[in-house]
Each structure stands twice: as C-alpha cells, then as structure tokens.
Amino acid sequence: MKTFIQSIIITTSILITSFAQPSASFNFTTAIPMGDFKNYNGNVGFGGNMEFFFFSPSERTPYGLGINLSYVSYGIQFFINPYSDELGVSLNKANNFASVHILFQIAPHTGIIRPYIETLFGGSYIFSLTEVGYDYYSPATLWIDDWAWSYGGGVGLKLFATGNPLFDSGSTYIDFKVRYLLSTEVTYLDRNSVEYYGDEVYYSLLKSKADMLLVSIGFFFFF
C-alpha cells in the first residue's frame, strides 16, 4: 500500500511538472433544479465554485485535468409562530450542496477566445440546518444530511481579459460556462413541511434525484 501511494504521488508530480502549467478559476453560480428535483423544489439556488487544473490544455495535450469544489444554497425561509402570530424565523438553508468533482476539459491552447467542452464526476454532500427562533429565543434545531454521487458535462467560453494572449503565464480570462449535473437519489428536507409546536420541530423528507442546470460566470487564471 505504501508503495502504491508513493507511485501516485510521483505520477501526479510528473504530470504537473511535465505538461502545461497549472491554472485555476473562480465562478459565481446559479443552480436551476431539473426533473423531479424541480417538482419538489422550485427555488433557484445560488453559490460559487472554484477549480484547480493540475495541467491545462497545451500543444502537447489538448485537454486539462483538475478538481472542482462548489457550494450552492437555496436560501432562508420564514414562517408564522403559531402561538403568537408573530413572524418566526427558520434559518432553514435547506438543500445546500457542497460538492467535489474530478474535472476533464478539452479546449484550444491558444487564442483570445477559447471555447471548451468538459465532463465531471464526483459527489455532493446535501444538508440543511433549521433553527427556529423568535424574540431572541431559539428553542429547537433540526439537521438533515445525505450524500449523492453526481456526474455531468458542459460547455464554456474563455474570453481574454488581461496579460499576454501569446503566453498563458500570468494571463486572465473571463470564464462563462453552462453545465448539466445529474445525481443519484438523495433524501432531503421538505422545507414547506416544517412546523413548530410545543418546542418541537415536525417535518417530512423528500427523496429524488437532484439534477440541476448550472450557469456560472467568473475568472480563469493561468499561474
């Protein structure tokens, strides 16, 4: 096992140093529910993602390999306290997605306009924290979480912004992309079912695939 791990480390180091230089991107993301997930959760999610490419597309290798980290949340929900008819607060950021994916991208290695296609595979940790509170009092909390495998593909466009378009090193591109992400079935909170009576939170769960369309815009950097 020790020899195997050492081989992986050595191989990764060779890939990073032998091919094109590493790069990274940071994007703001809008997540639109699709399929069954849209039927159960009609809200649009917002968040961001960052990516690090161990090596970027080059003349020798017209593809890049990296890792994607992302976070998407579907927001806070409010409700009426049944005891006082006052507005209670549910810090219910239901259906948060913290995801990690291996990313494979094919793109031209030169030019001020660089279209690309990509595919990714990984998983998402889905969680929700509901904290009922009113009049500076928080009598009950609820935590729901699950895990789902996810995969998908997308297309994008990099537009030259700063640096030298003839040399990737130190250059920055505006990065726009659209991805379709599919997942295995996952259990998550039905945020419309949350009720509070007698210092207890009552709720129900939903189970479906969590497919979504992701639209992102941000910046792509070459180191």
C-alpha atoms as a PDB file:
ATOM      1  CA  MET A   1       0.000   0.000   0.000  1.00  0.00           C
ATOM      2  CA  LYS A   2       2.845   2.387   0.877  1.00  0.00           C
ATOM      3  CA  THR A   3       4.479   1.711  -2.492  1.00  0.00           C
ATOM      4  CA  PHE A   4       1.173   2.326  -4.291  1.00  0.00           C
ATOM      5  CA  ILE A   5       0.650   5.693  -2.545  1.00  0.00           C
ATOM      6  CA  GLN A   6       4.218   6.732  -3.348  1.00  0.00           C
ATOM      7  CA  SER A   7       3.629   5.821  -7.013  1.00  0.00           C
ATOM      8  CA  ILE A   8       0.503   8.001  -7.120  1.00  0.00           C
ATOM      9  CA  ILE A   9       2.401  10.955  -5.618  1.00  0.00           C
ATOM     10  CA  ILE A  10       5.304  10.567  -8.050  1.00  0.00           C
ATOM     11  CA  THR A  11       2.980  10.210 -11.053  1.00  0.00           C
ATOM     12  CA  THR A  12       0.992  13.292 -10.067  1.00  0.00           C
ATOM     13  CA  SER A  13       4.193  15.304  -9.637  1.00  0.00           C
ATOM     14  CA  ILE A  14       5.408  14.266 -13.093  1.00  0.00           C
ATOM     15  CA  LEU A  15       2.089  15.270 -14.664  1.00  0.00           C
ATOM     16  CA  ILE A  16       2.138  18.666 -13.012  1.00  0.00           C
ATOM     17  CA  THR A  17       5.735  19.455 -13.950  1.00  0.00           C
ATOM     18  CA  SER A  18       5.849  17.846 -17.404  1.00  0.00           C
ATOM     19  CA  PHE A  19       2.721  19.223 -19.032  1.00  0.00           C
ATOM     20  CA  ALA A  20       1.285  22.710 -19.344  1.00  0.00           C
ATOM     21  CA  GLN A  21       1.275  24.987 -16.335  1.00  0.00           C
ATOM     22  CA  PRO A  22      -1.478  24.773 -13.733  1.00  0.00           C
ATOM     23  CA  SER A  23      -4.447  27.130 -13.742  1.00  0.00           C
ATOM     24  CA  ALA A  24      -7.500  27.950 -11.657  1.00  0.00           C
ATOM     25  CA  SER A  25     -10.934  29.547 -11.922  1.00  0.00           C
ATOM     26  CA  PHE A  26     -13.403  31.176  -9.540  1.00  0.00           C
ATOM     27  CA  ASN A  27     -17.057  31.484 -10.532  1.00  0.00           C
ATOM     28  CA  PHE A  28     -20.413  32.721  -9.272  1.00  0.00           C
ATOM     29  CA  THR A  29     -23.040  30.029  -9.919  1.00  0.00           C
ATOM     30  CA  THR A  30     -26.810  29.880 -10.395  1.00  0.00           C
ATOM     31  CA  ALA A  31     -28.323  26.397  -9.914  1.00  0.00           C
ATOM     32  CA  ILE A  32     -31.667  25.647 -11.605  1.00  0.00           C
ATOM     33  CA  PRO A  33     -33.438  22.453 -10.391  1.00  0.00           C
ATOM     34  CA  MET A  34     -34.349  19.976 -13.127  1.00  0.00           C
ATOM     35  CA  GLY A  35     -36.546  16.870 -13.395  1.00  0.00           C
ATOM     36  CA  ASP A  36     -38.077  15.540 -10.168  1.00  0.00           C
ATOM     37  CA  PHE A  37     -35.950  17.914  -8.145  1.00  0.00           C
ATOM     38  CA  LYS A  38     -37.712  20.839  -9.822  1.00  0.00           C
ATOM     39  CA  ASN A  39     -41.127  19.353  -8.937  1.00  0.00           C
ATOM     40  CA  TYR A  40     -40.193  19.176  -5.250  1.00  0.00           C
ATOM     41  CA  ASN A  41     -38.003  22.262  -5.060  1.00  0.00           C
ATOM     42  CA  GLY A  42     -38.942  25.130  -7.317  1.00  0.00           C
ATOM     43  CA  ASN A  43     -36.411  27.600  -5.946  1.00  0.00           C
ATOM     44  CA  VAL A  44     -33.268  28.631  -7.797  1.00  0.00           C
ATOM     45  CA  GLY A  45     -30.034  28.157  -5.857  1.00  0.00           C
ATOM     46  CA  PHE A  46     -27.018  30.455  -5.724  1.00  0.00           C
ATOM     47  CA  GLY A  47     -23.410  29.873  -4.783  1.00  0.00           C
ATOM     48  CA  GLY A  48     -19.951  29.591  -6.233  1.00  0.00           C
ATOM     49  CA  ASN A  49     -17.263  27.197  -7.326  1.00  0.00           C
ATOM     50  CA  MET A  50     -13.505  27.101  -7.703  1.00  0.00           C
ATOM     51  CA  GLU A  51     -11.434  24.828  -9.871  1.00  0.00           C
ATOM     52  CA  PHE A  52      -7.782  23.923  -9.943  1.00  0.00           C
ATOM     53  CA  PHE A  53      -6.266  22.274 -13.027  1.00  0.00           C
ATOM     54  CA  PHE A  54      -3.199  20.153 -12.362  1.00  0.00           C
ATOM     55  CA  PHE A  55      -2.357  20.726 -16.010  1.00  0.00           C
ATOM     56  CA  SER A  56      -4.130  22.840 -18.625  1.00  0.00           C
ATOM     57  CA  PRO A  57      -4.710  22.216 -22.345  1.00  0.00           C
ATOM     58  CA  SER A  58      -1.479  22.703 -24.306  1.00  0.00           C
ATOM     59  CA  GLU A  59       0.026  21.961 -27.712  1.00  0.00           C
ATOM     60  CA  ARG A  60       1.162  18.548 -26.482  1.00  0.00           C
ATOM     61  CA  THR A  61      -2.000  17.750 -24.514  1.00  0.00           C
ATOM     62  CA  PRO A  62      -5.231  19.405 -25.789  1.00  0.00           C
ATOM     63  CA  TYR A  63      -7.005  18.531 -22.565  1.00  0.00           C
ATOM     64  CA  GLY A  64      -6.860  19.552 -18.919  1.00  0.00           C
ATOM     65  CA  LEU A  65      -7.414  17.607 -15.719  1.00  0.00           C
ATOM     66  CA  GLY A  66      -8.374  19.133 -12.405  1.00  0.00           C
ATOM     67  CA  ILE A  67     -10.664  19.251  -9.414  1.00  0.00           C
ATOM     68  CA  ASN A  68     -13.863  21.249  -8.885  1.00  0.00           C
ATOM     69  CA  LEU A  69     -15.157  22.426  -5.490  1.00  0.00           C
ATOM     70  CA  SER A  70     -18.565  24.074  -5.293  1.00  0.00           C
ATOM     71  CA  TYR A  71     -21.264  25.220  -2.880  1.00  0.00           C
ATOM     72  CA  VAL A  72     -24.901  26.028  -3.672  1.00  0.00           C
ATOM     73  CA  SER A  73     -27.633  27.113  -1.230  1.00  0.00           C
ATOM     74  CA  TYR A  74     -31.378  27.505  -1.664  1.00  0.00           C
ATOM     75  CA  GLY A  75     -31.850  30.262   0.891  1.00  0.00           C
ATOM     76  CA  ILE A  76     -33.600  31.156   4.143  1.00  0.00           C
ATOM     77  CA  GLN A  77     -37.313  30.573   4.752  1.00  0.00           C
ATOM     78  CA  PHE A  78     -39.666  32.367   7.182  1.00  0.00           C
ATOM     79  CA  PHE A  79     -42.898  31.263   8.846  1.00  0.00           C
ATOM     80  CA  ILE A  80     -45.516  32.449  11.370  1.00  0.00           C
ATOM     81  CA  ASN A  81     -45.180  31.385  15.004  1.00  0.00           C
ATOM     82  CA  PRO A  82     -48.479  29.523  15.729  1.00  0.00           C
ATOM     83  CA  TYR A  83     -48.509  30.631  19.393  1.00  0.00           C
ATOM     84  CA  SER A  84     -48.259  34.377  18.987  1.00  0.00           C
ATOM     85  CA  ASP A  85     -48.986  35.010  15.289  1.00  0.00           C
ATOM     86  CA  GLU A  86     -45.646  36.754  15.163  1.00  0.00           C
ATOM     87  CA  LEU A  87     -43.116  36.160  12.462  1.00  0.00           C
ATOM     88  CA  GLY A  88     -40.886  33.299  13.491  1.00  0.00           C
ATOM     89  CA  VAL A  89     -37.546  32.752  11.793  1.00  0.00           C
ATOM     90  CA  SER A  90     -36.440  29.462  10.300  1.00  0.00           C
ATOM     91  CA  LEU A  91     -32.748  29.560   9.488  1.00  0.00           C
ATOM     92  CA  ASN A  92     -33.575  26.847   7.003  1.00  0.00           C
ATOM     93  CA  LYS A  93     -30.934  26.775   4.321  1.00  0.00           C
ATOM     94  CA  ALA A  94     -32.462  23.576   3.012  1.00  0.00           C
ATOM     95  CA  ASN A  95     -30.822  21.728   0.155  1.00  0.00           C
ATOM     96  CA  ASN A  96     -27.310  23.080   0.493  1.00  0.00           C
ATOM     97  CA  PHE A  97     -24.912  21.268  -1.840  1.00  0.00           C
ATOM     98  CA  ALA A  98     -21.207  21.043  -1.028  1.00  0.00           C
ATOM     99  CA  SER A  99     -19.679  19.181  -3.963  1.00  0.00           C
ATOM    100  CA  VAL A 100     -16.347  17.875  -5.172  1.00  0.00           C
ATOM    101  CA  HIS A 101     -15.741  16.580  -8.713  1.00  0.00           C
ATOM    102  CA  ILE A 102     -12.879  15.426 -10.890  1.00  0.00           C
ATOM    103  CA  LEU A 103     -12.930  17.628 -13.996  1.00  0.00           C
ATOM    104  CA  PHE A 104     -11.781  16.787 -17.527  1.00  0.00           C
ATOM    105  CA  GLN A 105     -11.708  19.612 -20.111  1.00  0.00           C
ATOM    106  CA  ILE A 106     -10.872  19.813 -23.820  1.00  0.00           C
ATOM    107  CA  ALA A 107     -10.009  23.262 -25.163  1.00  0.00           C
ATOM    108  CA  PRO A 108      -7.691  25.067 -27.615  1.00  0.00           C
ATOM    109  CA  HIS A 109      -4.396  26.123 -26.047  1.00  0.00           C
ATOM    110  CA  THR A 110      -4.099  29.472 -27.856  1.00  0.00           C
ATOM    111  CA  GLY A 111      -6.300  32.418 -28.770  1.00  0.00           C
ATOM    112  CA  ILE A 112      -8.139  35.257 -27.074  1.00  0.00           C
ATOM    113  CA  ILE A 113     -11.426  33.308 -27.432  1.00  0.00           C
ATOM    114  CA  ARG A 114     -11.300  29.704 -26.221  1.00  0.00           C
ATOM    115  CA  PRO A 115     -14.436  27.566 -26.337  1.00  0.00           C
ATOM    116  CA  TYR A 116     -14.307  24.300 -24.435  1.00  0.00           C
ATOM    117  CA  ILE A 117     -16.232  21.185 -23.508  1.00  0.00           C
ATOM    118  CA  GLU A 118     -15.892  19.298 -20.255  1.00  0.00           C
ATOM    119  CA  THR A 119     -17.122  16.395 -18.178  1.00  0.00           C
ATOM    120  CA  LEU A 120     -17.003  15.819 -14.450  1.00  0.00           C
ATOM    121  CA  PHE A 121     -17.639  13.085 -11.902  1.00  0.00           C
ATOM    122  CA  GLY A 122     -17.832  13.149  -8.121  1.00  0.00           C
ATOM    123  CA  GLY A 123     -20.373  13.655  -5.383  1.00  0.00           C
ATOM    124  CA  SER A 124     -22.370  16.115  -3.302  1.00  0.00           C
ATOM    125  CA  TYR A 125     -22.960  16.393   0.418  1.00  0.00           C
ATOM    126  CA  ILE A 126     -26.534  17.696   0.830  1.00  0.00           C
ATOM    127  CA  PHE A 127     -27.520  19.228   4.154  1.00  0.00           C
ATOM    128  CA  SER A 128     -29.999  21.590   5.798  1.00  0.00           C
ATOM    129  CA  LEU A 129     -29.924  23.358   9.154  1.00  0.00           C
ATOM    130  CA  THR A 130     -33.247  24.601  10.523  1.00  0.00           C
ATOM    131  CA  GLU A 131     -33.139  26.736  13.651  1.00  0.00           C
ATOM    132  CA  VAL A 132     -36.500  28.020  14.871  1.00  0.00           C
ATOM    133  CA  GLY A 133     -36.255  31.335  16.678  1.00  0.00           C
ATOM    134  CA  TYR A 134     -38.355  34.247  17.831  1.00  0.00           C
ATOM    135  CA  ASP A 135     -37.959  37.059  20.394  1.00  0.00           C
ATOM    136  CA  TYR A 136     -34.238  36.235  20.655  1.00  0.00           C
ATOM    137  CA  TYR A 137     -35.115  32.664  21.656  1.00  0.00           C
ATOM    138  CA  SER A 138     -34.120  29.557  19.680  1.00  0.00           C
ATOM    139  CA  PRO A 139     -35.958  26.586  21.199  1.00  0.00           C
ATOM    140  CA  ALA A 140     -35.387  23.960  18.502  1.00  0.00           C
ATOM    141  CA  THR A 141     -32.965  22.964  15.768  1.00  0.00           C
ATOM    142  CA  LEU A 142     -33.076  20.355  13.023  1.00  0.00           C
ATOM    143  CA  TRP A 143     -30.172  18.919  10.988  1.00  0.00           C
ATOM    144  CA  ILE A 144     -30.736  16.757   7.886  1.00  0.00           C
ATOM    145  CA  ASP A 145     -27.950  15.484   5.636  1.00  0.00           C
ATOM    146  CA  ASP A 146     -27.225  12.904   2.948  1.00  0.00           C
ATOM    147  CA  TRP A 147     -24.757  12.089   0.156  1.00  0.00           C
ATOM    148  CA  ALA A 148     -25.266  11.555  -3.582  1.00  0.00           C
ATOM    149  CA  TRP A 149     -22.955  10.656  -6.448  1.00  0.00           C
ATOM    150  CA  SER A 150     -23.138  13.122  -9.309  1.00  0.00           C
ATOM    151  CA  TYR A 151     -21.814  13.477 -12.837  1.00  0.00           C
ATOM    152  CA  GLY A 152     -22.400  15.579 -15.915  1.00  0.00           C
ATOM    153  CA  GLY A 153     -20.980  17.680 -18.695  1.00  0.00           C
ATOM    154  CA  GLY A 154     -20.932  21.193 -20.004  1.00  0.00           C
ATOM    155  CA  VAL A 155     -19.682  23.792 -22.441  1.00  0.00           C
ATOM    156  CA  GLY A 156     -17.981  27.083 -21.842  1.00  0.00           C
ATOM    157  CA  LEU A 157     -16.128  30.055 -23.265  1.00  0.00           C
ATOM    158  CA  LYS A 158     -12.996  31.829 -22.052  1.00  0.00           C
ATOM    159  CA  LEU A 159     -12.555  35.455 -23.198  1.00  0.00           C
ATOM    160  CA  PHE A 160      -9.145  37.110 -22.856  1.00  0.00           C
ATOM    161  CA  ALA A 161      -9.077  39.882 -20.208  1.00  0.00           C
ATOM    162  CA  THR A 162      -5.517  40.721 -19.078  1.00  0.00           C
ATOM    163  CA  GLY A 163      -1.942  39.585 -19.556  1.00  0.00           C
ATOM    164  CA  ASN A 164      -0.308  38.472 -22.799  1.00  0.00           C
ATOM    165  CA  PRO A 165      -2.541  36.481 -25.210  1.00  0.00           C
ATOM    166  CA  LEU A 166       0.575  34.837 -26.703  1.00  0.00           C
ATOM    167  CA  PHE A 167       1.665  33.403 -23.356  1.00  0.00           C
ATOM    168  CA  ASP A 168      -0.639  31.749 -20.842  1.00  0.00           C
ATOM    169  CA  SER A 169       1.550  32.534 -17.830  1.00  0.00           C
ATOM    170  CA  GLY A 170       0.019  35.394 -15.855  1.00  0.00           C
ATOM    171  CA  SER A 171      -2.980  35.760 -18.179  1.00  0.00           C
ATOM    172  CA  THR A 172      -6.589  36.116 -17.024  1.00  0.00           C
ATOM    173  CA  TYR A 173      -9.751  35.170 -18.915  1.00  0.00           C
ATOM    174  CA  ILE A 174     -13.426  35.823 -18.263  1.00  0.00           C
ATOM    175  CA  ASP A 175     -14.971  32.376 -17.887  1.00  0.00           C
ATOM    176  CA  PHE A 176     -18.601  31.609 -18.781  1.00  0.00           C
ATOM    177  CA  LYS A 177     -19.983  28.065 -18.603  1.00  0.00           C
ATOM    178  CA  VAL A 178     -23.180  26.006 -18.568  1.00  0.00           C
ATOM    179  CA  ARG A 179     -23.286  22.515 -17.031  1.00  0.00           C
ATOM    180  CA  TYR A 180     -25.924  19.843 -16.608  1.00  0.00           C
ATOM    181  CA  LEU A 181     -25.352  17.793 -13.464  1.00  0.00           C
ATOM    182  CA  LEU A 182     -27.151  14.505 -12.750  1.00  0.00           C
ATOM    183  CA  SER A 183     -27.192  12.707  -9.409  1.00  0.00           C
ATOM    184  CA  THR A 184     -28.218   9.506  -7.715  1.00  0.00           C
ATOM    185  CA  GLU A 185     -31.257   9.566  -5.405  1.00  0.00           C
ATOM    186  CA  VAL A 186     -30.888  11.617  -2.246  1.00  0.00           C
ATOM    187  CA  THR A 187     -33.041  12.333   0.818  1.00  0.00           C
ATOM    188  CA  TYR A 188     -33.565  15.992   1.739  1.00  0.00           C
ATOM    189  CA  LEU A 189     -35.867  18.183   3.802  1.00  0.00           C
ATOM    190  CA  ASP A 190     -39.280  19.238   2.525  1.00  0.00           C
ATOM    191  CA  ARG A 191     -38.892  22.818   3.663  1.00  0.00           C
ATOM    192  CA  ASN A 192     -42.625  23.515   3.238  1.00  0.00           C
ATOM    193  CA  SER A 193     -43.438  20.774   5.779  1.00  0.00           C
ATOM    194  CA  VAL A 194     -41.547  22.346   8.695  1.00  0.00           C
ATOM    195  CA  GLU A 195     -43.871  23.123  11.651  1.00  0.00           C
ATOM    196  CA  TYR A 196     -43.155  24.046  15.244  1.00  0.00           C
ATOM    197  CA  TYR A 197     -45.417  23.020  18.155  1.00  0.00           C
ATOM    198  CA  GLY A 198     -44.618  22.508  21.821  1.00  0.00           C
ATOM    199  CA  ASP A 199     -40.922  23.240  21.452  1.00  0.00           C
ATOM    200  CA  GLU A 200     -40.658  20.502  18.826  1.00  0.00           C
ATOM    201  CA  VAL A 201     -39.974  20.709  15.097  1.00  0.00           C
ATOM    202  CA  TYR A 202     -42.128  18.489  12.876  1.00  0.00           C
ATOM    203  CA  TYR A 203     -41.137  17.828   9.292  1.00  0.00           C
ATOM    204  CA  SER A 204     -41.155  15.372   6.392  1.00  0.00           C
ATOM    205  CA  LEU A 205     -38.460  14.291   3.963  1.00  0.00           C
ATOM    206  CA  LEU A 206     -38.374  14.030   0.193  1.00  0.00           C
ATOM    207  CA  LYS A 207     -36.415  11.561  -1.909  1.00  0.00           C
ATOM    208  CA  SER A 208     -35.491  12.086  -5.551  1.00  0.00           C
ATOM    209  CA  LYS A 209     -32.586  12.653  -7.858  1.00  0.00           C
ATOM    210  CA  ALA A 210     -31.143  16.146  -7.560  1.00  0.00           C
ATOM    211  CA  ASP A 211     -30.436  17.017 -11.188  1.00  0.00           C
ATOM    212  CA  MET A 212     -29.674  20.656 -11.904  1.00  0.00           C
ATOM    213  CA  LEU A 213     -28.566  23.083 -14.596  1.00  0.00           C
ATOM    214  CA  LEU A 214     -25.622  25.230 -13.504  1.00  0.00           C
ATOM    215  CA  VAL A 215     -24.865  28.602 -15.095  1.00  0.00           C
ATOM    216  CA  SER A 216     -21.579  30.204 -13.992  1.00  0.00           C
ATOM    217  CA  ILE A 217     -19.510  33.277 -14.706  1.00  0.00           C
ATOM    218  CA  GLY A 218     -16.159  34.271 -13.248  1.00  0.00           C
ATOM    219  CA  PHE A 219     -12.439  34.431 -13.965  1.00  0.00           C
ATOM    220  CA  PHE A 220      -9.887  31.874 -15.171  1.00  0.00           C
ATOM    221  CA  PHE A 221      -6.227  32.369 -14.205  1.00  0.00           C
ATOM    222  CA  PHE A 222      -3.008  30.875 -15.551  1.00  0.00           C
ATOM    223  CA  PHE A 223      -0.209  30.697 -12.970  1.00  0.00           C
END
